[in-house]
Amino acid sequence: MIFGIMYSVYNNLKKMKKIFSLIAVITGFIVFTAMQTENKPEFKFEKETHDFGKVPAGKPVSVDFIFTNTGDAPLIISNIESTCGCTVPKFTTKPVLKGEKGIITVTFNAAAVQAGFTKAVTIKSNARTPSKMLYIKGEVVPAGN
């Protein structure tokens, strides 16, 4: 009889240990997830696409993409890549503090080929969304038109 009671208590303790372990894992996951979203910077762009319209061949054109850091920590842009050498992005390397604005300037140098174009630049940063894309588009026309 005593062994039966001890065995029953032992089994109940094993079940409770499993339940406690499961609760601990779930709680840890929730806390870890919450920590990942806290104190992160975030981009909010005034616009993410710019249409240059008709661009004379051989004439560089530029646009400023203005953004605000709407997150809770300084925003640091580590790199910006373009889809081709005809598109050159410039950006500030200093951190953009919470609530402050930053500028990414994208210059497109229209080649001699007359055609429509769509180019992208990819921003790499420490934001909640670490990779962000901006687009420029237009149509290259003969110079003088």
C-alpha atoms as a PDB file:
ATOM      1  CA  MET A   1       0.000   0.000   0.000  1.00  0.00           C
ATOM      2  CA  ILE A   2       2.718   2.474   0.957  1.00  0.00           C
ATOM      3  CA  PHE A   3       4.663   1.578  -2.172  1.00  0.00           C
ATOM      4  CA  GLY A   4       1.530   2.225  -4.241  1.00  0.00           C
ATOM      5  CA  ILE A   5       1.123   5.679  -2.710  1.00  0.00           C
ATOM      6  CA  MET A   6       4.828   6.460  -3.160  1.00  0.00           C
ATOM      7  CA  TYR A   7       4.679   5.281  -6.771  1.00  0.00           C
ATOM      8  CA  SER A   8       1.602   7.455  -7.395  1.00  0.00           C
ATOM      9  CA  VAL A   9       3.307  10.504  -5.826  1.00  0.00           C
ATOM     10  CA  TYR A  10       6.451   9.810  -7.868  1.00  0.00           C
ATOM     11  CA  ASN A  11       4.445   9.666 -11.137  1.00  0.00           C
ATOM     12  CA  ASN A  12       2.608  12.876 -10.231  1.00  0.00           C
ATOM     13  CA  LEU A  13       5.928  14.611  -9.528  1.00  0.00           C
ATOM     14  CA  LYS A  14       7.270  13.470 -12.914  1.00  0.00           C
ATOM     15  CA  LYS A  15       4.185  14.895 -14.640  1.00  0.00           C
ATOM     16  CA  MET A  16       4.464  18.154 -12.690  1.00  0.00           C
ATOM     17  CA  LYS A  17       8.143  18.404 -13.593  1.00  0.00           C
ATOM     18  CA  LYS A  18       7.287  18.031 -17.302  1.00  0.00           C
ATOM     19  CA  ILE A  19       4.539  20.648 -17.028  1.00  0.00           C
ATOM     20  CA  PHE A  20       6.836  23.033 -15.133  1.00  0.00           C
ATOM     21  CA  SER A  21       9.569  22.546 -17.743  1.00  0.00           C
ATOM     22  CA  LEU A  22       7.111  23.258 -20.558  1.00  0.00           C
ATOM     23  CA  ILE A  23       5.874  26.415 -18.803  1.00  0.00           C
ATOM     24  CA  ALA A  24       9.476  27.549 -18.267  1.00  0.00           C
ATOM     25  CA  VAL A  25      10.311  27.042 -21.959  1.00  0.00           C
ATOM     26  CA  ILE A  26       7.199  28.926 -23.115  1.00  0.00           C
ATOM     27  CA  THR A  27       7.867  31.782 -20.679  1.00  0.00           C
ATOM     28  CA  GLY A  28      11.485  31.975 -21.805  1.00  0.00           C
ATOM     29  CA  PHE A  29      10.419  32.111 -25.452  1.00  0.00           C
ATOM     30  CA  ILE A  30       7.933  34.915 -24.760  1.00  0.00           C
ATOM     31  CA  VAL A  31      10.504  36.942 -22.812  1.00  0.00           C
ATOM     32  CA  PHE A  32      13.170  36.388 -25.489  1.00  0.00           C
ATOM     33  CA  THR A  33      10.760  37.431 -28.258  1.00  0.00           C
ATOM     34  CA  ALA A  34       9.748  40.554 -26.345  1.00  0.00           C
ATOM     35  CA  MET A  35      13.405  41.470 -25.827  1.00  0.00           C
ATOM     36  CA  GLN A  36      14.067  41.140 -29.552  1.00  0.00           C
ATOM     37  CA  THR A  37      11.449  43.762 -30.451  1.00  0.00           C
ATOM     38  CA  GLU A  38      12.355  46.272 -27.751  1.00  0.00           C
ATOM     39  CA  ASN A  39      14.761  49.116 -28.333  1.00  0.00           C
ATOM     40  CA  LYS A  40      15.027  48.692 -32.089  1.00  0.00           C
ATOM     41  CA  PRO A  41      15.177  51.511 -34.614  1.00  0.00           C
ATOM     42  CA  GLU A  42      12.801  51.642 -37.573  1.00  0.00           C
ATOM     43  CA  PHE A  43      12.608  53.501 -40.900  1.00  0.00           C
ATOM     44  CA  LYS A  44       9.577  55.550 -41.936  1.00  0.00           C
ATOM     45  CA  PHE A  45      10.158  56.962 -45.417  1.00  0.00           C
ATOM     46  CA  GLU A  46       8.235  59.901 -46.873  1.00  0.00           C
ATOM     47  CA  LYS A  47       8.266  57.893 -50.129  1.00  0.00           C
ATOM     48  CA  GLU A  48       9.888  54.624 -51.207  1.00  0.00           C
ATOM     49  CA  THR A  49       9.648  55.051 -54.993  1.00  0.00           C
ATOM     50  CA  HIS A  50      10.573  58.053 -57.144  1.00  0.00           C
ATOM     51  CA  ASP A  51       9.611  58.547 -60.787  1.00  0.00           C
ATOM     52  CA  PHE A  52      12.063  60.823 -62.639  1.00  0.00           C
ATOM     53  CA  GLY A  53       9.826  60.860 -65.705  1.00  0.00           C
ATOM     54  CA  LYS A  54      11.811  61.585 -68.899  1.00  0.00           C
ATOM     55  CA  VAL A  55      15.576  61.794 -68.321  1.00  0.00           C
ATOM     56  CA  PRO A  56      17.946  63.096 -71.041  1.00  0.00           C
ATOM     57  CA  ALA A  57      20.600  60.516 -71.997  1.00  0.00           C
ATOM     58  CA  GLY A  58      23.944  61.138 -70.302  1.00  0.00           C
ATOM     59  CA  LYS A  59      22.498  63.521 -67.680  1.00  0.00           C
ATOM     60  CA  PRO A  60      22.743  62.379 -64.042  1.00  0.00           C
ATOM     61  CA  VAL A  61      19.633  62.936 -61.910  1.00  0.00           C
ATOM     62  CA  SER A  62      19.294  62.620 -58.133  1.00  0.00           C
ATOM     63  CA  VAL A  63      16.574  62.224 -55.542  1.00  0.00           C
ATOM     64  CA  ASP A  64      16.645  62.491 -51.752  1.00  0.00           C
ATOM     65  CA  PHE A  65      14.746  59.797 -49.878  1.00  0.00           C
ATOM     66  CA  ILE A  66      13.968  61.319 -46.476  1.00  0.00           C
ATOM     67  CA  PHE A  67      13.219  59.051 -43.528  1.00  0.00           C
ATOM     68  CA  THR A  68      12.472  59.350 -39.836  1.00  0.00           C
ATOM     69  CA  ASN A  69      13.697  56.938 -37.181  1.00  0.00           C
ATOM     70  CA  THR A  70      10.388  55.956 -35.556  1.00  0.00           C
ATOM     71  CA  GLY A  71      12.004  53.276 -33.389  1.00  0.00           C
ATOM     72  CA  ASP A  72      13.374  53.368 -29.865  1.00  0.00           C
ATOM     73  CA  ALA A  73      17.126  53.263 -30.557  1.00  0.00           C
ATOM     74  CA  PRO A  74      19.678  54.944 -32.846  1.00  0.00           C
ATOM     75  CA  LEU A  75      19.379  53.796 -36.465  1.00  0.00           C
ATOM     76  CA  ILE A  76      22.662  52.824 -38.114  1.00  0.00           C
ATOM     77  CA  ILE A  77      22.875  52.204 -41.855  1.00  0.00           C
ATOM     78  CA  SER A  78      25.712  49.761 -42.453  1.00  0.00           C
ATOM     79  CA  ASN A  79      25.541  49.544 -46.248  1.00  0.00           C
ATOM     80  CA  ILE A  80      23.462  50.361 -49.306  1.00  0.00           C
ATOM     81  CA  GLU A  81      23.754  48.293 -52.479  1.00  0.00           C
ATOM     82  CA  SER A  82      22.428  49.214 -55.919  1.00  0.00           C
ATOM     83  CA  THR A  83      21.313  46.984 -58.766  1.00  0.00           C
ATOM     84  CA  CYS A  84      23.869  48.460 -61.179  1.00  0.00           C
ATOM     85  CA  GLY A  85      26.784  50.887 -61.458  1.00  0.00           C
ATOM     86  CA  CYS A  86      24.528  53.531 -63.027  1.00  0.00           C
ATOM     87  CA  THR A  87      22.759  53.976 -59.672  1.00  0.00           C
ATOM     88  CA  VAL A  88      24.854  55.417 -56.838  1.00  0.00           C
ATOM     89  CA  PRO A  89      23.461  55.784 -53.302  1.00  0.00           C
ATOM     90  CA  LYS A  90      24.959  58.122 -50.678  1.00  0.00           C
ATOM     91  CA  PHE A  91      24.007  58.082 -47.022  1.00  0.00           C
ATOM     92  CA  THR A  92      25.075  59.386 -43.662  1.00  0.00           C
ATOM     93  CA  THR A  93      27.236  57.048 -41.629  1.00  0.00           C
ATOM     94  CA  LYS A  94      26.366  58.680 -38.305  1.00  0.00           C
ATOM     95  CA  PRO A  95      23.547  57.155 -36.226  1.00  0.00           C
ATOM     96  CA  VAL A  96      20.089  58.689 -36.696  1.00  0.00           C
ATOM     97  CA  LEU A  97      18.592  59.141 -33.245  1.00  0.00           C
ATOM     98  CA  LYS A  98      14.987  58.375 -32.267  1.00  0.00           C
ATOM     99  CA  GLY A  99      12.643  60.895 -33.894  1.00  0.00           C
ATOM    100  CA  GLU A 100      15.344  62.420 -36.108  1.00  0.00           C
ATOM    101  CA  LYS A 101      15.441  62.493 -39.895  1.00  0.00           C
ATOM    102  CA  GLY A 102      18.045  61.113 -42.272  1.00  0.00           C
ATOM    103  CA  ILE A 103      18.593  61.331 -46.009  1.00  0.00           C
ATOM    104  CA  ILE A 104      19.596  58.763 -48.595  1.00  0.00           C
ATOM    105  CA  THR A 105      20.525  60.369 -51.918  1.00  0.00           C
ATOM    106  CA  VAL A 106      20.278  58.176 -55.011  1.00  0.00           C
ATOM    107  CA  THR A 107      21.876  59.363 -58.259  1.00  0.00           C
ATOM    108  CA  PHE A 108      21.065  57.745 -61.599  1.00  0.00           C
ATOM    109  CA  ASN A 109      23.385  58.351 -64.553  1.00  0.00           C
ATOM    110  CA  ALA A 110      21.332  57.785 -67.688  1.00  0.00           C
ATOM    111  CA  ALA A 111      23.217  55.795 -70.302  1.00  0.00           C
ATOM    112  CA  ALA A 112      23.042  56.423 -74.027  1.00  0.00           C
ATOM    113  CA  VAL A 113      20.484  53.643 -74.410  1.00  0.00           C
ATOM    114  CA  GLN A 114      16.985  55.093 -74.584  1.00  0.00           C
ATOM    115  CA  ALA A 115      14.576  52.928 -72.640  1.00  0.00           C
ATOM    116  CA  GLY A 116      12.470  52.786 -69.532  1.00  0.00           C
ATOM    117  CA  PHE A 117      14.271  51.901 -66.325  1.00  0.00           C
ATOM    118  CA  THR A 118      13.502  50.727 -62.817  1.00  0.00           C
ATOM    119  CA  LYS A 119      16.382  50.491 -60.363  1.00  0.00           C
ATOM    120  CA  ALA A 120      16.506  49.462 -56.729  1.00  0.00           C
ATOM    121  CA  VAL A 121      18.800  50.146 -53.812  1.00  0.00           C
ATOM    122  CA  THR A 122      18.887  47.830 -50.808  1.00  0.00           C
ATOM    123  CA  ILE A 123      19.538  49.343 -47.389  1.00  0.00           C
ATOM    124  CA  LYS A 124      21.212  47.209 -44.711  1.00  0.00           C
ATOM    125  CA  SER A 125      20.785  48.474 -41.148  1.00  0.00           C
ATOM    126  CA  ASN A 126      20.149  47.597 -37.520  1.00  0.00           C
ATOM    127  CA  ALA A 127      16.406  48.317 -37.880  1.00  0.00           C
ATOM    128  CA  ARG A 128      13.594  45.923 -36.953  1.00  0.00           C
ATOM    129  CA  THR A 129      13.445  45.237 -40.678  1.00  0.00           C
ATOM    130  CA  PRO A 130      17.195  44.987 -41.387  1.00  0.00           C
ATOM    131  CA  SER A 131      16.862  45.035 -45.190  1.00  0.00           C
ATOM    132  CA  LYS A 132      14.791  47.714 -46.943  1.00  0.00           C
ATOM    133  CA  MET A 133      14.442  48.557 -50.645  1.00  0.00           C
ATOM    134  CA  LEU A 134      13.930  51.915 -52.382  1.00  0.00           C
ATOM    135  CA  TYR A 135      13.117  52.295 -56.075  1.00  0.00           C
ATOM    136  CA  ILE A 136      13.706  54.824 -58.848  1.00  0.00           C
ATOM    137  CA  LYS A 137      12.181  54.708 -62.297  1.00  0.00           C
ATOM    138  CA  GLY A 138      11.850  56.755 -65.436  1.00  0.00           C
ATOM    139  CA  GLU A 139      12.525  56.822 -69.152  1.00  0.00           C
ATOM    140  CA  VAL A 140      15.816  57.729 -70.826  1.00  0.00           C
ATOM    141  CA  VAL A 141      15.214  59.938 -73.889  1.00  0.00           C
ATOM    142  CA  PRO A 142      17.679  61.425 -76.414  1.00  0.00           C
ATOM    143  CA  ALA A 143      19.590  64.442 -75.058  1.00  0.00           C
ATOM    144  CA  GLY A 144      18.019  67.749 -76.065  1.00  0.00           C
ATOM    145  CA  ASN A 145      14.393  66.470 -75.929  1.00  0.00           C
END
